[in-house]
C-alpha cells in the first residue's frame, strides 16, 4: 500500500518535482549498488581489459610488454595444437553437456516423486558438486587406474577386455567426460527439481482428465514448461565445460599425445610453462569469443522458441 501511495503521489506531483525525485532515487540506487559494481569492475572488467591488451603484445611476464598487433592471433590460426585443443574441447562439450542435462532431468523426475529415502538419494547425487575438482580428479584417477582401478576390475567381472584409460587417447577422453558428467549431474538435478516444483499440479490433473499418458505429459507439458530451466542449465554447463582445467591436470595432464588437452590447459601451458603470456592472453580472448557466441546462439534459440 505504501508503494502504491508513493507512486500515486509521484504521479500527482508537478513534472519538475517528479524528475528531481526520480533522479534522486536513481542516485540512491547507484550509491547502494556501487560497492558491488566496484568489486565487479575490479575483478571482471579490469582483468578482461588487461587480457585484451596483453593479447596484442609479446610478453613473458617479466619486463615490459612489446606491442605487436595481431601477430598472436595469426599464430593461433596456424597452430595445430590450438586446433587439436579446440577439437577436444568441442567433443568434450558436445558429449558431456547433453549427458549431464538428460541425466539431471531423469534424476529430477525420479526423485520428485514420493520415494523412501528420497532426501538421502538427493544428497548423495549432489555430493560430487560440492567436493573440490582436485578431490574428484584424485578419485577418478584411482577409479581409472590401468593396474588396480575399479573400472577395469568391473570390466573384467563382465568378461570384457581391460581399457587403457591412461595410454589410449579416446579412452582417456572418455574417462574425463565421465568425471565431468558425474560432477555435473547433481547440479542439473537440483535446478530441474526447483523447476518441476514450480509447475502447478492443476496442469497435470487436467492432462490426466484428458487421458494423456506419462510420455505425452512429459513431452507436451513438463519439457516445454522447463524450457527456461533447460536454457539456464545449458548456458551454465557450456561455459563450465569450456573452462574445464583442474580435473584434466590431475587425471591425465593433457595426455596421452594431447588427446585430453583442452583450450584452458593449452592457455595455461603457453602462459606459465612456456612463458608466452601474450600468446596465452590471445588464447583467452579466442576462448571468450567462442563462449560468447555460443551463449548468444542459445539465447536466440530460446527466445525464438518462447515467441513461437
C-alpha atoms as a PDB file:
ATOM      1  CA  UNK A   1       0.000   0.000   0.000  1.00  0.00           C
ATOM      2  CA  UNK A   2       2.857   2.359   0.836  1.00  0.00           C
ATOM      3  CA  UNK A   3       4.395   1.686  -2.574  1.00  0.00           C
ATOM      4  CA  UNK A   4       1.077   2.350  -4.336  1.00  0.00           C
ATOM      5  CA  UNK A   5       0.623   5.536  -2.343  1.00  0.00           C
ATOM      6  CA  UNK A   6       4.133   6.666  -3.192  1.00  0.00           C
ATOM      7  CA  UNK A   7       3.543   6.010  -6.913  1.00  0.00           C
ATOM      8  CA  UNK A   8       0.251   7.921  -6.802  1.00  0.00           C
ATOM      9  CA  UNK A   9       1.936  10.835  -5.040  1.00  0.00           C
ATOM     10  CA  UNK A  10       4.659  10.805  -7.672  1.00  0.00           C
ATOM     11  CA  UNK A  11       2.094  10.974 -10.497  1.00  0.00           C
ATOM     12  CA  UNK A  12       0.251  13.853  -8.829  1.00  0.00           C
ATOM     13  CA  UNK A  13       3.443  15.891  -8.330  1.00  0.00           C
ATOM     14  CA  UNK A  14       4.475  18.577 -10.880  1.00  0.00           C
ATOM     15  CA  UNK A  15       6.758  17.383 -13.697  1.00  0.00           C
ATOM     16  CA  UNK A  16       9.989  19.102 -12.423  1.00  0.00           C
ATOM     17  CA  UNK A  17       9.390  17.685  -8.958  1.00  0.00           C
ATOM     18  CA  UNK A  18       8.851  14.179 -10.364  1.00  0.00           C
ATOM     19  CA  UNK A  19      12.004  14.457 -12.432  1.00  0.00           C
ATOM     20  CA  UNK A  20      14.006  15.563  -9.385  1.00  0.00           C
ATOM     21  CA  UNK A  21      12.574  12.778  -7.262  1.00  0.00           C
ATOM     22  CA  UNK A  22      13.344  10.131  -9.884  1.00  0.00           C
ATOM     23  CA  UNK A  23      16.881  11.445 -10.273  1.00  0.00           C
ATOM     24  CA  UNK A  24      17.313  11.241  -6.506  1.00  0.00           C
ATOM     25  CA  UNK A  25      16.040   7.650  -6.454  1.00  0.00           C
ATOM     26  CA  UNK A  26      18.380   6.727  -9.289  1.00  0.00           C
ATOM     27  CA  UNK A  27      21.357   8.237  -7.465  1.00  0.00           C
ATOM     28  CA  UNK A  28      20.365   6.450  -4.263  1.00  0.00           C
ATOM     29  CA  UNK A  29      20.141   3.135  -6.140  1.00  0.00           C
ATOM     30  CA  UNK A  30      23.504   3.743  -7.753  1.00  0.00           C
ATOM     31  CA  UNK A  31      25.063   4.564  -4.386  1.00  0.00           C
ATOM     32  CA  UNK A  32      23.686   1.379  -2.826  1.00  0.00           C
ATOM     33  CA  UNK A  33      24.890  -0.743  -5.740  1.00  0.00           C
ATOM     34  CA  UNK A  34      28.281   0.957  -6.027  1.00  0.00           C
ATOM     35  CA  UNK A  35      30.183  -1.488  -3.723  1.00  0.00           C
ATOM     36  CA  UNK A  36      29.033  -4.449  -5.805  1.00  0.00           C
ATOM     37  CA  UNK A  37      29.736  -2.570  -9.048  1.00  0.00           C
ATOM     38  CA  UNK A  38      33.216  -1.678  -7.800  1.00  0.00           C
ATOM     39  CA  UNK A  39      34.033  -5.297  -6.940  1.00  0.00           C
ATOM     40  CA  UNK A  40      32.621  -6.453 -10.272  1.00  0.00           C
ATOM     41  CA  UNK A  41      34.679  -3.889 -12.162  1.00  0.00           C
ATOM     42  CA  UNK A  42      37.920  -4.685 -10.315  1.00  0.00           C
ATOM     43  CA  UNK A  43      37.648  -8.445 -10.631  1.00  0.00           C
ATOM     44  CA  UNK A  44      35.921  -8.645 -14.040  1.00  0.00           C
ATOM     45  CA  UNK A  45      36.393  -5.663 -16.324  1.00  0.00           C
ATOM     46  CA  UNK A  46      39.963  -4.827 -15.333  1.00  0.00           C
ATOM     47  CA  UNK A  47      41.230  -8.405 -15.953  1.00  0.00           C
ATOM     48  CA  UNK A  48      39.277  -8.512 -19.223  1.00  0.00           C
ATOM     49  CA  UNK A  49      40.857  -5.269 -20.352  1.00  0.00           C
ATOM     50  CA  UNK A  50      44.347  -6.389 -19.338  1.00  0.00           C
ATOM     51  CA  UNK A  51      43.879  -9.716 -21.158  1.00  0.00           C
ATOM     52  CA  UNK A  52      42.774  -7.902 -24.309  1.00  0.00           C
ATOM     53  CA  UNK A  53      45.835  -5.636 -24.071  1.00  0.00           C
ATOM     54  CA  UNK A  54      48.346  -8.449 -23.442  1.00  0.00           C
ATOM     55  CA  UNK A  55      46.868 -10.408 -26.367  1.00  0.00           C
ATOM     56  CA  UNK A  56      48.269  -7.711 -28.645  1.00  0.00           C
ATOM     57  CA  UNK A  57      51.743  -7.872 -27.154  1.00  0.00           C
ATOM     58  CA  UNK A  58      54.787 -10.090 -26.828  1.00  0.00           C
ATOM     59  CA  UNK A  59      55.114 -10.609 -23.099  1.00  0.00           C
ATOM     60  CA  UNK A  60      56.879 -13.178 -20.940  1.00  0.00           C
ATOM     61  CA  UNK A  61      55.666 -11.965 -17.569  1.00  0.00           C
ATOM     62  CA  UNK A  62      58.904 -10.068 -16.935  1.00  0.00           C
ATOM     63  CA  UNK A  63      59.831  -6.616 -18.186  1.00  0.00           C
ATOM     64  CA  UNK A  64      57.560  -4.504 -20.330  1.00  0.00           C
ATOM     65  CA  UNK A  65      55.149  -5.942 -22.924  1.00  0.00           C
ATOM     66  CA  UNK A  66      56.104  -5.215 -26.523  1.00  0.00           C
ATOM     67  CA  UNK A  67      53.202  -4.311 -28.799  1.00  0.00           C
ATOM     68  CA  UNK A  68      52.983  -6.488 -31.912  1.00  0.00           C
ATOM     69  CA  UNK A  69      49.401  -6.048 -33.125  1.00  0.00           C
ATOM     70  CA  UNK A  70      47.504  -9.154 -34.210  1.00  0.00           C
ATOM     71  CA  UNK A  71      50.540 -11.436 -34.546  1.00  0.00           C
ATOM     72  CA  UNK A  72      49.405 -13.690 -31.699  1.00  0.00           C
ATOM     73  CA  UNK A  73      46.052 -14.277 -33.394  1.00  0.00           C
ATOM     74  CA  UNK A  74      47.776 -15.015 -36.724  1.00  0.00           C
ATOM     75  CA  UNK A  75      49.946 -17.598 -34.952  1.00  0.00           C
ATOM     76  CA  UNK A  76      46.868 -19.155 -33.355  1.00  0.00           C
ATOM     77  CA  UNK A  77      45.323 -19.677 -36.788  1.00  0.00           C
ATOM     78  CA  UNK A  78      48.325 -21.739 -37.921  1.00  0.00           C
ATOM     79  CA  UNK A  79      48.918 -23.553 -34.615  1.00  0.00           C
ATOM     80  CA  UNK A  80      47.988 -27.264 -34.957  1.00  0.00           C
ATOM     81  CA  UNK A  81      47.947 -27.743 -31.193  1.00  0.00           C
ATOM     82  CA  UNK A  82      45.336 -24.996 -30.845  1.00  0.00           C
ATOM     83  CA  UNK A  83      43.062 -26.742 -33.349  1.00  0.00           C
ATOM     84  CA  UNK A  84      43.595 -30.049 -31.542  1.00  0.00           C
ATOM     85  CA  UNK A  85      42.679 -28.420 -28.215  1.00  0.00           C
ATOM     86  CA  UNK A  86      39.639 -26.775 -29.818  1.00  0.00           C
ATOM     87  CA  UNK A  87      38.509 -30.120 -31.260  1.00  0.00           C
ATOM     88  CA  UNK A  88      38.988 -31.851 -27.902  1.00  0.00           C
ATOM     89  CA  UNK A  89      37.037 -29.101 -26.138  1.00  0.00           C
ATOM     90  CA  UNK A  90      34.248 -29.273 -28.726  1.00  0.00           C
ATOM     91  CA  UNK A  91      33.918 -33.063 -28.431  1.00  0.00           C
ATOM     92  CA  UNK A  92      34.070 -32.825 -24.646  1.00  0.00           C
ATOM     93  CA  UNK A  93      31.286 -30.205 -24.614  1.00  0.00           C
ATOM     94  CA  UNK A  94      29.124 -31.925 -27.251  1.00  0.00           C
ATOM     95  CA  UNK A  95      29.132 -35.194 -25.288  1.00  0.00           C
ATOM     96  CA  UNK A  96      29.244 -34.121 -21.639  1.00  0.00           C
ATOM     97  CA  UNK A  97      26.610 -31.354 -21.725  1.00  0.00           C
ATOM     98  CA  UNK A  98      23.716 -33.410 -23.235  1.00  0.00           C
ATOM     99  CA  UNK A  99      24.532 -36.356 -20.952  1.00  0.00           C
ATOM    100  CA  UNK A 100      24.553 -34.084 -17.895  1.00  0.00           C
ATOM    101  CA  UNK A 101      21.313 -32.324 -18.878  1.00  0.00           C
ATOM    102  CA  UNK A 102      19.397 -35.514 -19.708  1.00  0.00           C
ATOM    103  CA  UNK A 103      20.802 -37.358 -16.703  1.00  0.00           C
ATOM    104  CA  UNK A 104      19.935 -34.487 -14.388  1.00  0.00           C
ATOM    105  CA  UNK A 105      16.402 -34.335 -15.817  1.00  0.00           C
ATOM    106  CA  UNK A 106      15.951 -38.089 -15.354  1.00  0.00           C
ATOM    107  CA  UNK A 107      17.141 -37.929 -11.746  1.00  0.00           C
ATOM    108  CA  UNK A 108      14.899 -34.938 -11.031  1.00  0.00           C
ATOM    109  CA  UNK A 109      11.839 -36.702 -12.478  1.00  0.00           C
ATOM    110  CA  UNK A 110      12.653 -39.792 -10.419  1.00  0.00           C
ATOM    111  CA  UNK A 111      13.388 -38.007  -7.143  1.00  0.00           C
ATOM    112  CA  UNK A 112      10.465 -35.593  -7.487  1.00  0.00           C
ATOM    113  CA  UNK A 113       8.173 -38.470  -6.560  1.00  0.00           C
ATOM    114  CA  UNK A 114       7.486 -39.848  -3.103  1.00  0.00           C
ATOM    115  CA  UNK A 115      10.193 -42.462  -2.612  1.00  0.00           C
ATOM    116  CA  UNK A 116      11.670 -43.953   0.563  1.00  0.00           C
ATOM    117  CA  UNK A 117      14.983 -42.249   1.338  1.00  0.00           C
ATOM    118  CA  UNK A 118      14.353 -39.539  -1.246  1.00  0.00           C
ATOM    119  CA  UNK A 119      16.234 -36.882   0.726  1.00  0.00           C
ATOM    120  CA  UNK A 120      19.244 -39.153   1.199  1.00  0.00           C
ATOM    121  CA  UNK A 121      19.331 -40.006  -2.516  1.00  0.00           C
ATOM    122  CA  UNK A 122      19.186 -36.316  -3.437  1.00  0.00           C
ATOM    123  CA  UNK A 123      22.083 -35.606  -1.086  1.00  0.00           C
ATOM    124  CA  UNK A 124      24.158 -38.491  -2.450  1.00  0.00           C
ATOM    125  CA  UNK A 125      23.724 -37.348  -6.044  1.00  0.00           C
ATOM    126  CA  UNK A 126      24.620 -33.778  -5.047  1.00  0.00           C
ATOM    127  CA  UNK A 127      27.801 -34.675  -3.142  1.00  0.00           C
ATOM    128  CA  UNK A 128      30.070 -34.611  -6.266  1.00  0.00           C
ATOM    129  CA  UNK A 129      29.027 -30.986  -6.860  1.00  0.00           C
ATOM    130  CA  UNK A 130      30.346 -29.767  -3.514  1.00  0.00           C
ATOM    131  CA  UNK A 131      33.630 -31.660  -3.425  1.00  0.00           C
ATOM    132  CA  UNK A 132      36.611 -29.907  -4.948  1.00  0.00           C
ATOM    133  CA  UNK A 133      37.644 -30.643  -8.521  1.00  0.00           C
ATOM    134  CA  UNK A 134      41.048 -31.773  -7.251  1.00  0.00           C
ATOM    135  CA  UNK A 135      39.421 -34.350  -4.981  1.00  0.00           C
ATOM    136  CA  UNK A 136      37.199 -35.520  -7.836  1.00  0.00           C
ATOM    137  CA  UNK A 137      40.256 -35.841 -10.064  1.00  0.00           C
ATOM    138  CA  UNK A 138      42.165 -37.894  -7.479  1.00  0.00           C
ATOM    139  CA  UNK A 139      39.172 -40.214  -7.004  1.00  0.00           C
ATOM    140  CA  UNK A 140      38.767 -40.559 -10.766  1.00  0.00           C
ATOM    141  CA  UNK A 141      42.469 -41.267 -11.262  1.00  0.00           C
ATOM    142  CA  UNK A 142      42.169 -44.125  -8.780  1.00  0.00           C
ATOM    143  CA  UNK A 143      38.995 -45.459 -10.454  1.00  0.00           C
ATOM    144  CA  UNK A 144      40.521 -45.383 -13.950  1.00  0.00           C
ATOM    145  CA  UNK A 145      43.988 -46.627 -12.976  1.00  0.00           C
ATOM    146  CA  UNK A 146      45.004 -49.257 -15.518  1.00  0.00           C
ATOM    147  CA  UNK A 147      46.706 -51.532 -12.988  1.00  0.00           C
ATOM    148  CA  UNK A 148      44.382 -51.619  -9.995  1.00  0.00           C
ATOM    149  CA  UNK A 149      41.464 -49.301 -10.871  1.00  0.00           C
ATOM    150  CA  UNK A 150      37.852 -50.180 -10.199  1.00  0.00           C
ATOM    151  CA  UNK A 151      36.798 -49.535 -13.813  1.00  0.00           C
ATOM    152  CA  UNK A 152      38.985 -52.266 -15.291  1.00  0.00           C
ATOM    153  CA  UNK A 153      38.081 -54.673 -12.485  1.00  0.00           C
ATOM    154  CA  UNK A 154      34.386 -54.209 -13.261  1.00  0.00           C
ATOM    155  CA  UNK A 155      35.070 -54.776 -16.958  1.00  0.00           C
ATOM    156  CA  UNK A 156      36.952 -57.965 -16.038  1.00  0.00           C
ATOM    157  CA  UNK A 157      33.994 -59.215 -13.981  1.00  0.00           C
ATOM    158  CA  UNK A 158      31.761 -58.668 -17.013  1.00  0.00           C
ATOM    159  CA  UNK A 159      34.175 -60.618 -19.214  1.00  0.00           C
ATOM    160  CA  UNK A 160      35.233 -57.526 -21.152  1.00  0.00           C
ATOM    161  CA  UNK A 161      38.847 -56.621 -22.016  1.00  0.00           C
ATOM    162  CA  UNK A 162      40.688 -54.032 -19.949  1.00  0.00           C
ATOM    163  CA  UNK A 163      40.861 -50.475 -21.298  1.00  0.00           C
ATOM    164  CA  UNK A 164      43.964 -48.298 -21.395  1.00  0.00           C
ATOM    165  CA  UNK A 165      42.388 -45.323 -19.668  1.00  0.00           C
ATOM    166  CA  UNK A 166      45.745 -43.536 -19.398  1.00  0.00           C
ATOM    167  CA  UNK A 167      47.513 -44.760 -22.540  1.00  0.00           C
ATOM    168  CA  UNK A 168      44.730 -44.635 -25.141  1.00  0.00           C
ATOM    169  CA  UNK A 169      43.605 -41.212 -26.378  1.00  0.00           C
ATOM    170  CA  UNK A 170      39.872 -41.943 -26.879  1.00  0.00           C
ATOM    171  CA  UNK A 171      39.686 -43.865 -23.578  1.00  0.00           C
ATOM    172  CA  UNK A 172      41.397 -41.043 -21.683  1.00  0.00           C
ATOM    173  CA  UNK A 173      38.975 -38.505 -23.202  1.00  0.00           C
ATOM    174  CA  UNK A 174      36.037 -40.761 -22.306  1.00  0.00           C
ATOM    175  CA  UNK A 175      37.230 -41.003 -18.696  1.00  0.00           C
ATOM    176  CA  UNK A 176      37.430 -37.201 -18.386  1.00  0.00           C
ATOM    177  CA  UNK A 177      33.932 -36.873 -19.889  1.00  0.00           C
ATOM    178  CA  UNK A 178      32.622 -39.447 -17.411  1.00  0.00           C
ATOM    179  CA  UNK A 179      34.022 -37.468 -14.484  1.00  0.00           C
ATOM    180  CA  UNK A 180      32.558 -34.218 -15.829  1.00  0.00           C
ATOM    181  CA  UNK A 181      29.118 -35.836 -16.134  1.00  0.00           C
ATOM    182  CA  UNK A 182      29.448 -37.337 -12.642  1.00  0.00           C
ATOM    183  CA  UNK A 183      30.260 -33.978 -11.071  1.00  0.00           C
ATOM    184  CA  UNK A 184      27.540 -32.102 -13.035  1.00  0.00           C
ATOM    185  CA  UNK A 185      24.554 -34.415 -12.594  1.00  0.00           C
ATOM    186  CA  UNK A 186      23.747 -33.188  -9.099  1.00  0.00           C
ATOM    187  CA  UNK A 187      23.647 -29.544 -10.136  1.00  0.00           C
ATOM    188  CA  UNK A 188      21.320 -30.223 -13.073  1.00  0.00           C
ATOM    189  CA  UNK A 189      19.149 -32.406 -10.844  1.00  0.00           C
ATOM    190  CA  UNK A 190      18.697 -29.705  -8.186  1.00  0.00           C
ATOM    191  CA  UNK A 191      17.884 -26.988 -10.736  1.00  0.00           C
ATOM    192  CA  UNK A 192      15.402 -29.246 -12.522  1.00  0.00           C
ATOM    193  CA  UNK A 193      13.811 -30.179  -9.174  1.00  0.00           C
ATOM    194  CA  UNK A 194      13.240 -26.490  -8.493  1.00  0.00           C
ATOM    195  CA  UNK A 195      11.722 -26.123 -11.969  1.00  0.00           C
ATOM    196  CA  UNK A 196       9.455 -29.159 -11.522  1.00  0.00           C
ATOM    197  CA  UNK A 197       8.156 -27.912  -8.184  1.00  0.00           C
ATOM    198  CA  UNK A 198       7.231 -24.623  -9.851  1.00  0.00           C
ATOM    199  CA  UNK A 199       4.801 -26.352 -12.230  1.00  0.00           C
ATOM    200  CA  UNK A 200       1.237 -26.266 -10.945  1.00  0.00           C
ATOM    201  CA  UNK A 201      -0.311 -29.635 -10.090  1.00  0.00           C
ATOM    202  CA  UNK A 202      -3.554 -28.471 -11.711  1.00  0.00           C
ATOM    203  CA  UNK A 203      -1.885 -28.720 -15.110  1.00  0.00           C
ATOM    204  CA  UNK A 204      -1.102 -32.394 -14.533  1.00  0.00           C
ATOM    205  CA  UNK A 205      -4.604 -33.042 -13.185  1.00  0.00           C
ATOM    206  CA  UNK A 206      -6.134 -31.515 -16.327  1.00  0.00           C
ATOM    207  CA  UNK A 207      -3.838 -33.651 -18.516  1.00  0.00           C
ATOM    208  CA  UNK A 208      -4.826 -36.772 -16.574  1.00  0.00           C
ATOM    209  CA  UNK A 209      -8.514 -35.969 -17.058  1.00  0.00           C
ATOM    210  CA  UNK A 210      -7.852 -35.621 -20.790  1.00  0.00           C
ATOM    211  CA  UNK A 211      -6.342 -39.100 -20.802  1.00  0.00           C
ATOM    212  CA  UNK A 212      -2.748 -38.070 -21.511  1.00  0.00           C
ATOM    213  CA  UNK A 213      -0.145 -40.758 -20.762  1.00  0.00           C
ATOM    214  CA  UNK A 214       3.158 -40.219 -18.959  1.00  0.00           C
ATOM    215  CA  UNK A 215       5.185 -39.806 -22.148  1.00  0.00           C
ATOM    216  CA  UNK A 216       2.669 -37.342 -23.578  1.00  0.00           C
ATOM    217  CA  UNK A 217       2.679 -35.354 -20.318  1.00  0.00           C
ATOM    218  CA  UNK A 218       6.484 -35.266 -20.316  1.00  0.00           C
ATOM    219  CA  UNK A 219       6.690 -34.253 -23.982  1.00  0.00           C
ATOM    220  CA  UNK A 220       3.828 -31.734 -24.091  1.00  0.00           C
ATOM    221  CA  UNK A 221       3.752 -30.262 -20.575  1.00  0.00           C
ATOM    222  CA  UNK A 222       6.822 -30.904 -18.463  1.00  0.00           C
ATOM    223  CA  UNK A 223       9.526 -30.385 -21.086  1.00  0.00           C
ATOM    224  CA  UNK A 224       8.077 -27.123 -22.550  1.00  0.00           C
ATOM    225  CA  UNK A 225       7.451 -25.643 -19.099  1.00  0.00           C
ATOM    226  CA  UNK A 226      11.031 -26.498 -18.127  1.00  0.00           C
ATOM    227  CA  UNK A 227      12.334 -24.539 -21.137  1.00  0.00           C
ATOM    228  CA  UNK A 228      13.790 -21.594 -19.134  1.00  0.00           C
ATOM    229  CA  UNK A 229      15.358 -24.046 -16.671  1.00  0.00           C
ATOM    230  CA  UNK A 230      16.924 -26.033 -19.502  1.00  0.00           C
ATOM    231  CA  UNK A 231      18.221 -22.836 -21.087  1.00  0.00           C
ATOM    232  CA  UNK A 232      19.918 -21.803 -17.830  1.00  0.00           C
ATOM    233  CA  UNK A 233      21.494 -25.244 -17.356  1.00  0.00           C
ATOM    234  CA  UNK A 234      22.696 -25.380 -20.968  1.00  0.00           C
ATOM    235  CA  UNK A 235      24.345 -21.963 -20.803  1.00  0.00           C
ATOM    236  CA  UNK A 236      25.953 -22.708 -17.452  1.00  0.00           C
ATOM    237  CA  UNK A 237      27.262 -26.112 -18.490  1.00  0.00           C
ATOM    238  CA  UNK A 238      28.599 -24.986 -21.860  1.00  0.00           C
ATOM    239  CA  UNK A 239      30.560 -22.246 -20.097  1.00  0.00           C
ATOM    240  CA  UNK A 240      31.888 -24.597 -17.407  1.00  0.00           C
ATOM    241  CA  UNK A 241      32.804 -27.278 -19.959  1.00  0.00           C
ATOM    242  CA  UNK A 242      34.911 -24.748 -21.870  1.00  0.00           C
ATOM    243  CA  UNK A 243      36.614 -23.855 -18.572  1.00  0.00           C
ATOM    244  CA  UNK A 244      37.475 -27.407 -17.511  1.00  0.00           C
ATOM    245  CA  UNK A 245      41.035 -27.461 -16.204  1.00  0.00           C
ATOM    246  CA  UNK A 246      41.898 -28.946 -12.824  1.00  0.00           C
ATOM    247  CA  UNK A 247      40.290 -32.362 -13.346  1.00  0.00           C
ATOM    248  CA  UNK A 248      42.281 -32.776 -16.556  1.00  0.00           C
ATOM    249  CA  UNK A 249      45.530 -31.754 -14.875  1.00  0.00           C
ATOM    250  CA  UNK A 250      45.010 -34.287 -12.086  1.00  0.00           C
ATOM    251  CA  UNK A 251      43.769 -37.167 -14.266  1.00  0.00           C
ATOM    252  CA  UNK A 252      45.765 -37.061 -17.488  1.00  0.00           C
ATOM    253  CA  UNK A 253      47.872 -33.898 -17.603  1.00  0.00           C
ATOM    254  CA  UNK A 254      46.587 -33.382 -21.156  1.00  0.00           C
ATOM    255  CA  UNK A 255      47.900 -36.708 -22.446  1.00  0.00           C
ATOM    256  CA  UNK A 256      48.348 -39.126 -23.949  1.00  0.00           C
ATOM    257  CA  UNK A 257      49.675 -37.301 -27.012  1.00  0.00           C
ATOM    258  CA  UNK A 258      47.482 -34.231 -26.341  1.00  0.00           C
ATOM    259  CA  UNK A 259      44.305 -36.332 -26.551  1.00  0.00           C
ATOM    260  CA  UNK A 260      42.906 -34.530 -23.485  1.00  0.00           C
ATOM    261  CA  UNK A 261      44.479 -31.112 -24.000  1.00  0.00           C
ATOM    262  CA  UNK A 262      41.693 -28.527 -23.789  1.00  0.00           C
ATOM    263  CA  UNK A 263      41.793 -24.820 -24.538  1.00  0.00           C
ATOM    264  CA  UNK A 264      42.260 -23.698 -20.931  1.00  0.00           C
ATOM    265  CA  UNK A 265      45.009 -26.268 -20.347  1.00  0.00           C
ATOM    266  CA  UNK A 266      46.757 -25.132 -23.513  1.00  0.00           C
ATOM    267  CA  UNK A 267      46.495 -21.463 -22.498  1.00  0.00           C
ATOM    268  CA  UNK A 268      47.907 -22.283 -19.047  1.00  0.00           C
ATOM    269  CA  UNK A 269      50.781 -24.239 -20.580  1.00  0.00           C
ATOM    270  CA  UNK A 270      51.568 -21.396 -23.002  1.00  0.00           C
ATOM    271  CA  UNK A 271      51.396 -18.719 -20.313  1.00  0.00           C
ATOM    272  CA  UNK A 272      53.080 -20.335 -17.310  1.00  0.00           C
ATOM    273  CA  UNK A 273      55.188 -23.186 -18.708  1.00  0.00           C
ATOM    274  CA  UNK A 274      56.428 -21.607 -21.943  1.00  0.00           C
ATOM    275  CA  UNK A 275      56.304 -18.029 -20.589  1.00  0.00           C
ATOM    276  CA  UNK A 276      54.346 -16.835 -23.659  1.00  0.00           C
ATOM    277  CA  UNK A 277      51.795 -14.802 -21.743  1.00  0.00           C
ATOM    278  CA  UNK A 278      50.846 -12.598 -24.684  1.00  0.00           C
ATOM    279  CA  UNK A 279      50.020 -15.712 -26.708  1.00  0.00           C
ATOM    280  CA  UNK A 280      48.127 -17.203 -23.734  1.00  0.00           C
ATOM    281  CA  UNK A 281      46.122 -13.971 -23.421  1.00  0.00           C
ATOM    282  CA  UNK A 282      45.225 -14.228 -27.117  1.00  0.00           C
ATOM    283  CA  UNK A 283      44.036 -17.810 -26.499  1.00  0.00           C
ATOM    284  CA  UNK A 284      41.919 -16.455 -23.649  1.00  0.00           C
ATOM    285  CA  UNK A 285      40.373 -13.835 -25.930  1.00  0.00           C
ATOM    286  CA  UNK A 286      39.530 -16.514 -28.519  1.00  0.00           C
ATOM    287  CA  UNK A 287      38.002 -18.707 -25.802  1.00  0.00           C
ATOM    288  CA  UNK A 288      35.959 -15.754 -24.520  1.00  0.00           C
ATOM    289  CA  UNK A 289      34.685 -15.046 -28.048  1.00  0.00           C
ATOM    290  CA  UNK A 290      33.694 -18.695 -28.600  1.00  0.00           C
ATOM    291  CA  UNK A 291      31.775 -18.878 -25.308  1.00  0.00           C
ATOM    292  CA  UNK A 292      30.109 -15.519 -26.019  1.00  0.00           C
ATOM    293  CA  UNK A 293      28.965 -16.645 -29.487  1.00  0.00           C
ATOM    294  CA  UNK A 294      27.618 -19.961 -28.161  1.00  0.00           C
ATOM    295  CA  UNK A 295      25.743 -18.165 -25.380  1.00  0.00           C
ATOM    296  CA  UNK A 296      24.190 -15.693 -27.826  1.00  0.00           C
ATOM    297  CA  UNK A 297      23.141 -18.538 -30.147  1.00  0.00           C
ATOM    298  CA  UNK A 298      21.494 -20.362 -27.245  1.00  0.00           C
ATOM    299  CA  UNK A 299      19.792 -17.151 -26.129  1.00  0.00           C
ATOM    300  CA  UNK A 300      18.433 -16.504 -29.628  1.00  0.00           C
ATOM    301  CA  UNK A 301      17.224 -20.099 -29.946  1.00  0.00           C
ATOM    302  CA  UNK A 302      15.471 -19.887 -26.559  1.00  0.00           C
ATOM    303  CA  UNK A 303      13.898 -16.560 -27.401  1.00  0.00           C
ATOM    304  CA  UNK A 304      12.648 -17.839 -30.774  1.00  0.00           C
ATOM    305  CA  UNK A 305      11.123 -20.877 -29.057  1.00  0.00           C
ATOM    306  CA  UNK A 306       9.362 -18.670 -26.473  1.00  0.00           C
ATOM    307  CA  UNK A 307       7.906 -16.457 -29.209  1.00  0.00           C
ATOM    308  CA  UNK A 308       6.686 -19.451 -31.258  1.00  0.00           C
END
